[in-house]
């Protein structure tokens, strides 16, 4: 419960922090910097607790890094560059829906009973939030955030198939997936020309918040939660994160969703709650 509460606060408010930080840096530079910072911290933790430095389950750990760190972090940074923080948070957290959609060959998670209308609510909500009929940069941002949710779901599926047995395994996989995910982020940041970084006090604070909280601590908390809960139940509890993000963005950034967006966000959150609640009831 402590891990879930900390994760909700850290990741929820981080949507506002990231949105404001992108005033001082390009999205790919920001994704690479926060990833490198978080990786260094995690390997410092590995050394401090005496965990083995050699990676295990290399193939799956590479896949985990490519989707969880490179895919999710990169796409979210790109989405926030042109889109709203609150909307991006909700779309990114459609992850539990995509876990069931793509995970059925690998996990014991299937759509049953009331989960079918729940999936219908989510799909209807996505249509309203995406507002495809408007087009423009905001629609692009929405699809990027949605893609981040899909990437995160794939990483959850990969993680749930890995034999994580103890604390050292958990720490090692978390640290090494960051390495494998940060490498493509750094490559893209070097290849894509972006505006110069403005090293302001706020940006430095945001980078520290993201490196320590958003990348190192929160990623470790998420792996810890996944290790102990079914993927869909983890998703249900993680729904508090976009709620915190939407409220914080409304208060601090003045992001007021349109009627369609607000209705769509509500449908998505209700659908996800129903989806994962019924999945929890189906667990033995």
C-alpha atoms as a PDB file:
ATOM      1  CA  UNK A   1       0.000   0.000   0.000  1.00  0.00           C
ATOM      2  CA  UNK A   2       2.881   2.380   0.766  1.00  0.00           C
ATOM      3  CA  UNK A   3       4.463   1.577  -2.611  1.00  0.00           C
ATOM      4  CA  UNK A   4       1.169   2.232  -4.417  1.00  0.00           C
ATOM      5  CA  UNK A   5       0.627   5.544  -2.612  1.00  0.00           C
ATOM      6  CA  UNK A   6       4.156   6.793  -3.318  1.00  0.00           C
ATOM      7  CA  UNK A   7       3.897   5.741  -6.956  1.00  0.00           C
ATOM      8  CA  UNK A   8       0.619   7.635  -7.410  1.00  0.00           C
ATOM      9  CA  UNK A   9       2.069  10.844  -5.968  1.00  0.00           C
ATOM     10  CA  UNK A  10       5.443  10.664  -7.739  1.00  0.00           C
ATOM     11  CA  UNK A  11       4.169   9.698 -11.177  1.00  0.00           C
ATOM     12  CA  UNK A  12       0.930  11.668 -10.923  1.00  0.00           C
ATOM     13  CA  UNK A  13       2.517  15.045 -10.225  1.00  0.00           C
ATOM     14  CA  UNK A  14       5.394  14.302 -12.582  1.00  0.00           C
ATOM     15  CA  UNK A  15       3.112  14.968 -15.578  1.00  0.00           C
ATOM     16  CA  UNK A  16       3.045  18.634 -14.563  1.00  0.00           C
ATOM     17  CA  UNK A  17       6.781  18.660 -13.821  1.00  0.00           C
ATOM     18  CA  UNK A  18       7.611  17.179 -17.229  1.00  0.00           C
ATOM     19  CA  UNK A  19       5.312  19.566 -19.083  1.00  0.00           C
ATOM     20  CA  UNK A  20       6.933  22.592 -17.427  1.00  0.00           C
ATOM     21  CA  UNK A  21      10.461  21.208 -17.872  1.00  0.00           C
ATOM     22  CA  UNK A  22       9.960  21.006 -21.643  1.00  0.00           C
ATOM     23  CA  UNK A  23       9.978  24.811 -21.743  1.00  0.00           C
ATOM     24  CA  UNK A  24      13.743  24.559 -21.188  1.00  0.00           C
ATOM     25  CA  UNK A  25      14.741  21.504 -23.233  1.00  0.00           C
ATOM     26  CA  UNK A  26      13.709  19.438 -26.260  1.00  0.00           C
ATOM     27  CA  UNK A  27      11.729  16.227 -25.623  1.00  0.00           C
ATOM     28  CA  UNK A  28      14.407  13.760 -26.748  1.00  0.00           C
ATOM     29  CA  UNK A  29      17.186  15.495 -24.828  1.00  0.00           C
ATOM     30  CA  UNK A  30      14.955  15.460 -21.748  1.00  0.00           C
ATOM     31  CA  UNK A  31      14.075  11.769 -22.138  1.00  0.00           C
ATOM     32  CA  UNK A  32      17.753  10.855 -22.551  1.00  0.00           C
ATOM     33  CA  UNK A  33      18.967  12.980 -19.628  1.00  0.00           C
ATOM     34  CA  UNK A  34      16.380  11.710 -17.157  1.00  0.00           C
ATOM     35  CA  UNK A  35      17.063   8.155 -18.303  1.00  0.00           C
ATOM     36  CA  UNK A  36      20.827   8.457 -17.846  1.00  0.00           C
ATOM     37  CA  UNK A  37      20.361  10.057 -14.422  1.00  0.00           C
ATOM     38  CA  UNK A  38      17.977   7.318 -13.295  1.00  0.00           C
ATOM     39  CA  UNK A  39      20.263   4.567 -14.603  1.00  0.00           C
ATOM     40  CA  UNK A  40      23.266   5.894 -12.666  1.00  0.00           C
ATOM     41  CA  UNK A  41      21.191   6.020  -9.478  1.00  0.00           C
ATOM     42  CA  UNK A  42      19.904   2.468  -9.911  1.00  0.00           C
ATOM     43  CA  UNK A  43      23.391   1.056 -10.452  1.00  0.00           C
ATOM     44  CA  UNK A  44      24.542   2.970  -7.390  1.00  0.00           C
ATOM     45  CA  UNK A  45      21.780   1.177  -5.483  1.00  0.00           C
ATOM     46  CA  UNK A  46      22.872  -2.188  -6.921  1.00  0.00           C
ATOM     47  CA  UNK A  47      26.410  -1.549  -5.687  1.00  0.00           C
ATOM     48  CA  UNK A  48      25.212  -0.312  -2.273  1.00  0.00           C
ATOM     49  CA  UNK A  49      23.197  -3.454  -1.502  1.00  0.00           C
ATOM     50  CA  UNK A  50      25.826  -5.800  -2.891  1.00  0.00           C
ATOM     51  CA  UNK A  51      23.648  -7.177  -5.672  1.00  0.00           C
ATOM     52  CA  UNK A  52      25.367  -8.906  -8.637  1.00  0.00           C
ATOM     53  CA  UNK A  53      26.142  -6.480 -11.448  1.00  0.00           C
ATOM     54  CA  UNK A  54      25.934  -9.070 -14.205  1.00  0.00           C
ATOM     55  CA  UNK A  55      22.606  -8.974 -16.100  1.00  0.00           C
ATOM     56  CA  UNK A  56      20.263 -11.981 -16.151  1.00  0.00           C
ATOM     57  CA  UNK A  57      17.500 -12.852 -18.624  1.00  0.00           C
ATOM     58  CA  UNK A  58      19.284 -10.614 -21.130  1.00  0.00           C
ATOM     59  CA  UNK A  59      16.915 -11.109 -24.061  1.00  0.00           C
ATOM     60  CA  UNK A  60      13.760 -10.294 -22.115  1.00  0.00           C
ATOM     61  CA  UNK A  61      15.497  -7.480 -20.238  1.00  0.00           C
ATOM     62  CA  UNK A  62      16.414  -5.856 -23.568  1.00  0.00           C
ATOM     63  CA  UNK A  63      12.772  -6.105 -24.690  1.00  0.00           C
ATOM     64  CA  UNK A  64      11.669  -4.661 -21.355  1.00  0.00           C
ATOM     65  CA  UNK A  65      14.023  -1.710 -21.720  1.00  0.00           C
ATOM     66  CA  UNK A  66      13.027  -0.996 -25.306  1.00  0.00           C
ATOM     67  CA  UNK A  67       9.333  -0.820 -24.446  1.00  0.00           C
ATOM     68  CA  UNK A  68       9.236   0.441 -20.831  1.00  0.00           C
ATOM     69  CA  UNK A  69      12.072   2.975 -20.922  1.00  0.00           C
ATOM     70  CA  UNK A  70      12.717   3.847 -24.570  1.00  0.00           C
ATOM     71  CA  UNK A  71       9.147   3.440 -25.809  1.00  0.00           C
ATOM     72  CA  UNK A  72       7.125   4.832 -22.928  1.00  0.00           C
ATOM     73  CA  UNK A  73       9.498   7.585 -21.792  1.00  0.00           C
ATOM     74  CA  UNK A  74      10.382   8.692 -25.313  1.00  0.00           C
ATOM     75  CA  UNK A  75       6.810   8.807 -26.621  1.00  0.00           C
ATOM     76  CA  UNK A  76       5.493  10.562 -23.502  1.00  0.00           C
ATOM     77  CA  UNK A  77       8.168  13.257 -23.704  1.00  0.00           C
ATOM     78  CA  UNK A  78       7.315  13.784 -27.369  1.00  0.00           C
ATOM     79  CA  UNK A  79       3.581  13.893 -26.614  1.00  0.00           C
ATOM     80  CA  UNK A  80       3.993  16.459 -23.828  1.00  0.00           C
ATOM     81  CA  UNK A  81       5.977  18.739 -26.119  1.00  0.00           C
ATOM     82  CA  UNK A  82       2.786  19.667 -27.997  1.00  0.00           C
ATOM     83  CA  UNK A  83      -0.053  18.240 -25.890  1.00  0.00           C
ATOM     84  CA  UNK A  84      -1.774  18.647 -22.548  1.00  0.00           C
ATOM     85  CA  UNK A  85      -0.372  16.936 -19.450  1.00  0.00           C
ATOM     86  CA  UNK A  86      -3.724  15.731 -18.109  1.00  0.00           C
ATOM     87  CA  UNK A  87      -4.911  14.204 -21.389  1.00  0.00           C
ATOM     88  CA  UNK A  88      -1.510  12.557 -21.953  1.00  0.00           C
ATOM     89  CA  UNK A  89      -1.667  11.026 -18.473  1.00  0.00           C
ATOM     90  CA  UNK A  90      -5.065   9.442 -19.111  1.00  0.00           C
ATOM     91  CA  UNK A  91      -4.087   8.081 -22.537  1.00  0.00           C
ATOM     92  CA  UNK A  92      -0.748   6.774 -21.265  1.00  0.00           C
ATOM     93  CA  UNK A  93      -2.556   4.931 -18.483  1.00  0.00           C
ATOM     94  CA  UNK A  94      -4.769   2.943 -20.843  1.00  0.00           C
ATOM     95  CA  UNK A  95      -2.030   0.364 -20.262  1.00  0.00           C
ATOM     96  CA  UNK A  96      -4.279  -2.198 -18.409  1.00  0.00           C
ATOM     97  CA  UNK A  97      -6.609  -2.343 -21.420  1.00  0.00           C
ATOM     98  CA  UNK A  98      -3.730  -3.051 -23.794  1.00  0.00           C
ATOM     99  CA  UNK A  99      -2.308  -5.659 -21.391  1.00  0.00           C
ATOM    100  CA  UNK A 100      -5.482  -7.693 -21.852  1.00  0.00           C
ATOM    101  CA  UNK A 101      -5.703  -6.995 -25.602  1.00  0.00           C
ATOM    102  CA  UNK A 102      -2.118  -8.047 -26.355  1.00  0.00           C
ATOM    103  CA  UNK A 103      -1.379 -10.317 -23.385  1.00  0.00           C
ATOM    104  CA  UNK A 104      -3.961 -13.075 -23.896  1.00  0.00           C
ATOM    105  CA  UNK A 105      -1.494 -15.499 -25.559  1.00  0.00           C
ATOM    106  CA  UNK A 106       0.987 -15.082 -22.670  1.00  0.00           C
ATOM    107  CA  UNK A 107      -0.986 -14.207 -19.510  1.00  0.00           C
ATOM    108  CA  UNK A 108      -4.116 -15.669 -17.869  1.00  0.00           C
ATOM    109  CA  UNK A 109      -5.931 -12.365 -18.490  1.00  0.00           C
ATOM    110  CA  UNK A 110      -8.982 -12.670 -20.778  1.00  0.00           C
ATOM    111  CA  UNK A 111     -12.028 -10.533 -21.378  1.00  0.00           C
ATOM    112  CA  UNK A 112     -14.958 -12.090 -19.541  1.00  0.00           C
ATOM    113  CA  UNK A 113     -18.519 -11.066 -18.707  1.00  0.00           C
ATOM    114  CA  UNK A 114     -18.689  -7.399 -17.726  1.00  0.00           C
ATOM    115  CA  UNK A 115     -15.206  -6.783 -19.079  1.00  0.00           C
ATOM    116  CA  UNK A 116     -16.618  -6.674 -22.610  1.00  0.00           C
ATOM    117  CA  UNK A 117     -18.832  -3.613 -21.971  1.00  0.00           C
ATOM    118  CA  UNK A 118     -15.922  -2.149 -19.967  1.00  0.00           C
ATOM    119  CA  UNK A 119     -13.751  -2.455 -23.072  1.00  0.00           C
ATOM    120  CA  UNK A 120     -16.528  -0.762 -25.038  1.00  0.00           C
ATOM    121  CA  UNK A 121     -16.522   2.172 -22.596  1.00  0.00           C
ATOM    122  CA  UNK A 122     -12.755   2.525 -23.001  1.00  0.00           C
ATOM    123  CA  UNK A 123     -12.970   2.497 -26.788  1.00  0.00           C
ATOM    124  CA  UNK A 124     -15.780   5.086 -26.752  1.00  0.00           C
ATOM    125  CA  UNK A 125     -13.732   7.223 -24.379  1.00  0.00           C
ATOM    126  CA  UNK A 126     -10.696   6.985 -26.637  1.00  0.00           C
ATOM    127  CA  UNK A 127     -12.723   8.246 -29.608  1.00  0.00           C
ATOM    128  CA  UNK A 128     -13.865  11.268 -27.571  1.00  0.00           C
ATOM    129  CA  UNK A 129     -10.443  12.054 -26.083  1.00  0.00           C
ATOM    130  CA  UNK A 130      -8.579  11.662 -29.369  1.00  0.00           C
ATOM    131  CA  UNK A 131     -11.010  14.014 -31.170  1.00  0.00           C
ATOM    132  CA  UNK A 132      -9.777  12.753 -34.514  1.00  0.00           C
ATOM    133  CA  UNK A 133     -12.215  15.068 -36.288  1.00  0.00           C
ATOM    134  CA  UNK A 134     -10.193  18.105 -35.120  1.00  0.00           C
ATOM    135  CA  UNK A 135      -6.769  16.988 -36.404  1.00  0.00           C
ATOM    136  CA  UNK A 136      -3.734  19.153 -35.689  1.00  0.00           C
ATOM    137  CA  UNK A 137      -0.892  18.923 -33.205  1.00  0.00           C
ATOM    138  CA  UNK A 138      -3.111  17.975 -30.278  1.00  0.00           C
ATOM    139  CA  UNK A 139      -4.339  14.857 -32.096  1.00  0.00           C
ATOM    140  CA  UNK A 140      -0.735  13.932 -32.851  1.00  0.00           C
ATOM    141  CA  UNK A 141       0.121  14.306 -29.176  1.00  0.00           C
ATOM    142  CA  UNK A 142      -2.845  12.120 -28.218  1.00  0.00           C
ATOM    143  CA  UNK A 143      -1.768   9.298 -30.531  1.00  0.00           C
ATOM    144  CA  UNK A 144       1.789   9.524 -29.186  1.00  0.00           C
ATOM    145  CA  UNK A 145       0.509   9.239 -25.602  1.00  0.00           C
ATOM    146  CA  UNK A 146      -1.690   6.321 -26.621  1.00  0.00           C
ATOM    147  CA  UNK A 147       1.337   4.663 -28.228  1.00  0.00           C
ATOM    148  CA  UNK A 148       3.199   5.121 -24.946  1.00  0.00           C
ATOM    149  CA  UNK A 149       0.402   3.245 -23.165  1.00  0.00           C
ATOM    150  CA  UNK A 150       0.716   0.382 -25.659  1.00  0.00           C
ATOM    151  CA  UNK A 151       4.505   0.270 -25.202  1.00  0.00           C
ATOM    152  CA  UNK A 152       4.087   0.175 -21.429  1.00  0.00           C
ATOM    153  CA  UNK A 153       1.573  -2.679 -21.723  1.00  0.00           C
ATOM    154  CA  UNK A 154       4.004  -4.728 -23.802  1.00  0.00           C
ATOM    155  CA  UNK A 155       6.667  -4.187 -21.131  1.00  0.00           C
ATOM    156  CA  UNK A 156       4.246  -5.408 -18.438  1.00  0.00           C
ATOM    157  CA  UNK A 157       3.569  -8.572 -20.446  1.00  0.00           C
ATOM    158  CA  UNK A 158       7.304  -9.191 -20.853  1.00  0.00           C
ATOM    159  CA  UNK A 159       7.966  -8.588 -17.140  1.00  0.00           C
ATOM    160  CA  UNK A 160       5.202 -10.965 -16.032  1.00  0.00           C
ATOM    161  CA  UNK A 161       6.853 -13.791 -18.001  1.00  0.00           C
ATOM    162  CA  UNK A 162      10.229 -13.309 -16.282  1.00  0.00           C
ATOM    163  CA  UNK A 163      11.173 -15.528 -13.302  1.00  0.00           C
ATOM    164  CA  UNK A 164      11.930 -12.783 -10.762  1.00  0.00           C
ATOM    165  CA  UNK A 165      12.604 -14.635  -7.507  1.00  0.00           C
ATOM    166  CA  UNK A 166      14.219 -12.224  -5.062  1.00  0.00           C
ATOM    167  CA  UNK A 167      15.253  -8.633  -4.355  1.00  0.00           C
ATOM    168  CA  UNK A 168      18.534  -8.902  -6.238  1.00  0.00           C
ATOM    169  CA  UNK A 169      16.761 -10.192  -9.334  1.00  0.00           C
ATOM    170  CA  UNK A 170      14.303  -7.318  -9.147  1.00  0.00           C
ATOM    171  CA  UNK A 171      17.019  -4.694  -8.736  1.00  0.00           C
ATOM    172  CA  UNK A 172      19.157  -6.167 -11.495  1.00  0.00           C
ATOM    173  CA  UNK A 173      16.337  -6.384 -14.052  1.00  0.00           C
ATOM    174  CA  UNK A 174      15.142  -2.853 -13.209  1.00  0.00           C
ATOM    175  CA  UNK A 175      18.632  -1.369 -13.592  1.00  0.00           C
ATOM    176  CA  UNK A 176      19.593  -3.245 -16.745  1.00  0.00           C
ATOM    177  CA  UNK A 177      16.314  -2.581 -18.543  1.00  0.00           C
ATOM    178  CA  UNK A 178      17.058   1.111 -17.953  1.00  0.00           C
ATOM    179  CA  UNK A 179      20.466   0.670 -19.629  1.00  0.00           C
ATOM    180  CA  UNK A 180      19.003  -1.054 -22.670  1.00  0.00           C
ATOM    181  CA  UNK A 181      16.217   1.523 -22.891  1.00  0.00           C
ATOM    182  CA  UNK A 182      18.402   4.595 -22.423  1.00  0.00           C
ATOM    183  CA  UNK A 183      20.797   3.661 -25.246  1.00  0.00           C
ATOM    184  CA  UNK A 184      18.249   4.283 -28.053  1.00  0.00           C
ATOM    185  CA  UNK A 185      17.052   7.451 -26.290  1.00  0.00           C
ATOM    186  CA  UNK A 186      20.604   8.817 -26.257  1.00  0.00           C
ATOM    187  CA  UNK A 187      21.098   7.878 -29.921  1.00  0.00           C
ATOM    188  CA  UNK A 188      17.884   9.651 -30.962  1.00  0.00           C
ATOM    189  CA  UNK A 189      18.798  12.702 -28.852  1.00  0.00           C
ATOM    190  CA  UNK A 190      22.171  12.911 -30.610  1.00  0.00           C
ATOM    191  CA  UNK A 191      20.650  12.536 -34.078  1.00  0.00           C
ATOM    192  CA  UNK A 192      17.656  14.871 -33.671  1.00  0.00           C
ATOM    193  CA  UNK A 193      18.510  18.568 -33.654  1.00  0.00           C
ATOM    194  CA  UNK A 194      16.703  20.336 -30.805  1.00  0.00           C
ATOM    195  CA  UNK A 195      16.842  23.767 -29.202  1.00  0.00           C
ATOM    196  CA  UNK A 196      19.681  24.462 -26.717  1.00  0.00           C
ATOM    197  CA  UNK A 197      19.094  23.482 -23.097  1.00  0.00           C
ATOM    198  CA  UNK A 198      18.342  26.334 -20.709  1.00  0.00           C
ATOM    199  CA  UNK A 199      19.894  25.366 -17.368  1.00  0.00           C
ATOM    200  CA  UNK A 200      17.459  27.223 -15.116  1.00  0.00           C
ATOM    201  CA  UNK A 201      16.825  26.459 -11.463  1.00  0.00           C
ATOM    202  CA  UNK A 202      13.428  24.949 -12.260  1.00  0.00           C
ATOM    203  CA  UNK A 203      14.830  22.723 -15.005  1.00  0.00           C
ATOM    204  CA  UNK A 204      17.594  21.379 -12.748  1.00  0.00           C
ATOM    205  CA  UNK A 205      15.016  20.659 -10.039  1.00  0.00           C
ATOM    206  CA  UNK A 206      12.736  18.958 -12.583  1.00  0.00           C
ATOM    207  CA  UNK A 207      15.629  16.819 -13.823  1.00  0.00           C
ATOM    208  CA  UNK A 208      16.457  15.747 -10.262  1.00  0.00           C
ATOM    209  CA  UNK A 209      12.782  14.993  -9.583  1.00  0.00           C
ATOM    210  CA  UNK A 210      12.577  12.884 -12.749  1.00  0.00           C
ATOM    211  CA  UNK A 211      15.893  11.111 -12.293  1.00  0.00           C
ATOM    212  CA  UNK A 212      15.473  10.227  -8.627  1.00  0.00           C
ATOM    213  CA  UNK A 213      11.695  10.023  -8.374  1.00  0.00           C
ATOM    214  CA  UNK A 214      10.205   9.458 -11.804  1.00  0.00           C
ATOM    215  CA  UNK A 215      12.869   7.080 -13.170  1.00  0.00           C
ATOM    216  CA  UNK A 216      14.804   5.383 -10.335  1.00  0.00           C
ATOM    217  CA  UNK A 217      12.439   5.191  -7.346  1.00  0.00           C
ATOM    218  CA  UNK A 218       9.149   4.967  -9.263  1.00  0.00           C
ATOM    219  CA  UNK A 219      10.447   2.365 -11.749  1.00  0.00           C
ATOM    220  CA  UNK A 220      11.661   0.251  -8.840  1.00  0.00           C
ATOM    221  CA  UNK A 221       8.322   0.684  -7.039  1.00  0.00           C
ATOM    222  CA  UNK A 222       6.446  -0.337 -10.178  1.00  0.00           C
ATOM    223  CA  UNK A 223       8.571  -3.478 -10.626  1.00  0.00           C
ATOM    224  CA  UNK A 224       8.060  -4.271  -6.919  1.00  0.00           C
ATOM    225  CA  UNK A 225       4.279  -3.927  -7.307  1.00  0.00           C
ATOM    226  CA  UNK A 226       4.199  -6.026 -10.497  1.00  0.00           C
ATOM    227  CA  UNK A 227       6.148  -8.762  -8.735  1.00  0.00           C
ATOM    228  CA  UNK A 228       3.467  -9.083  -6.057  1.00  0.00           C
ATOM    229  CA  UNK A 229       0.207  -8.375  -7.886  1.00  0.00           C
ATOM    230  CA  UNK A 230      -1.426  -9.628 -11.105  1.00  0.00           C
ATOM    231  CA  UNK A 231      -0.836  -7.192 -13.965  1.00  0.00           C
ATOM    232  CA  UNK A 232      -4.470  -6.088 -14.192  1.00  0.00           C
ATOM    233  CA  UNK A 233      -4.789  -5.462 -10.436  1.00  0.00           C
ATOM    234  CA  UNK A 234      -1.619  -3.388 -10.586  1.00  0.00           C
ATOM    235  CA  UNK A 235      -3.262  -1.433 -13.381  1.00  0.00           C
ATOM    236  CA  UNK A 236      -6.378  -0.787 -11.279  1.00  0.00           C
ATOM    237  CA  UNK A 237      -4.374   0.678  -8.420  1.00  0.00           C
ATOM    238  CA  UNK A 238      -2.248   2.676 -10.863  1.00  0.00           C
ATOM    239  CA  UNK A 239      -5.407   4.467 -12.062  1.00  0.00           C
ATOM    240  CA  UNK A 240      -4.862   6.933  -9.227  1.00  0.00           C
ATOM    241  CA  UNK A 241      -1.827   8.258 -11.143  1.00  0.00           C
ATOM    242  CA  UNK A 242      -3.695   9.846 -14.085  1.00  0.00           C
ATOM    243  CA  UNK A 243      -6.313  11.184 -11.679  1.00  0.00           C
ATOM    244  CA  UNK A 244      -3.555  12.975  -9.745  1.00  0.00           C
ATOM    245  CA  UNK A 245      -2.092  14.130 -13.070  1.00  0.00           C
ATOM    246  CA  UNK A 246      -5.388  15.551 -14.381  1.00  0.00           C
ATOM    247  CA  UNK A 247      -6.141  17.381 -11.118  1.00  0.00           C
ATOM    248  CA  UNK A 248      -2.593  18.778 -10.821  1.00  0.00           C
ATOM    249  CA  UNK A 249      -2.599  19.927 -14.468  1.00  0.00           C
ATOM    250  CA  UNK A 250      -5.988  21.585 -13.993  1.00  0.00           C
ATOM    251  CA  UNK A 251      -4.848  23.438 -10.855  1.00  0.00           C
ATOM    252  CA  UNK A 252      -1.288  24.374 -11.815  1.00  0.00           C
ATOM    253  CA  UNK A 253      -1.388  24.566 -15.619  1.00  0.00           C
ATOM    254  CA  UNK A 254      -4.992  25.656 -16.084  1.00  0.00           C
ATOM    255  CA  UNK A 255      -5.722  22.734 -18.410  1.00  0.00           C
ATOM    256  CA  UNK A 256      -9.503  22.622 -18.714  1.00  0.00           C
ATOM    257  CA  UNK A 257     -10.584  19.686 -20.893  1.00  0.00           C
ATOM    258  CA  UNK A 258     -13.291  20.245 -23.495  1.00  0.00           C
ATOM    259  CA  UNK A 259     -16.675  18.583 -22.994  1.00  0.00           C
ATOM    260  CA  UNK A 260     -15.708  15.714 -25.324  1.00  0.00           C
ATOM    261  CA  UNK A 261     -12.308  15.284 -23.681  1.00  0.00           C
ATOM    262  CA  UNK A 262     -13.755  15.344 -20.168  1.00  0.00           C
ATOM    263  CA  UNK A 263     -16.455  12.825 -21.049  1.00  0.00           C
ATOM    264  CA  UNK A 264     -13.888  10.629 -22.786  1.00  0.00           C
ATOM    265  CA  UNK A 265     -11.489  10.704 -19.821  1.00  0.00           C
ATOM    266  CA  UNK A 266     -14.327   9.734 -17.481  1.00  0.00           C
ATOM    267  CA  UNK A 267     -15.386   6.849 -19.742  1.00  0.00           C
ATOM    268  CA  UNK A 268     -11.798   5.589 -19.955  1.00  0.00           C
ATOM    269  CA  UNK A 269     -11.256   5.705 -16.184  1.00  0.00           C
ATOM    270  CA  UNK A 270     -14.618   4.055 -15.437  1.00  0.00           C
ATOM    271  CA  UNK A 271     -13.973   1.406 -18.100  1.00  0.00           C
ATOM    272  CA  UNK A 272     -10.489   0.670 -16.774  1.00  0.00           C
ATOM    273  CA  UNK A 273     -11.778   0.432 -13.209  1.00  0.00           C
ATOM    274  CA  UNK A 274     -14.547  -1.972 -14.262  1.00  0.00           C
ATOM    275  CA  UNK A 275     -12.147  -3.942 -16.451  1.00  0.00           C
ATOM    276  CA  UNK A 276      -9.584  -4.525 -13.745  1.00  0.00           C
ATOM    277  CA  UNK A 277     -12.099  -4.920 -10.895  1.00  0.00           C
ATOM    278  CA  UNK A 278     -13.829  -7.792 -12.691  1.00  0.00           C
ATOM    279  CA  UNK A 279     -10.431  -9.288 -13.493  1.00  0.00           C
ATOM    280  CA  UNK A 280      -9.526  -9.181  -9.798  1.00  0.00           C
ATOM    281  CA  UNK A 281     -12.769 -10.975  -8.919  1.00  0.00           C
ATOM    282  CA  UNK A 282     -11.867 -13.665 -11.429  1.00  0.00           C
ATOM    283  CA  UNK A 283      -8.477 -14.331  -9.794  1.00  0.00           C
ATOM    284  CA  UNK A 284      -8.357 -17.544  -7.725  1.00  0.00           C
END
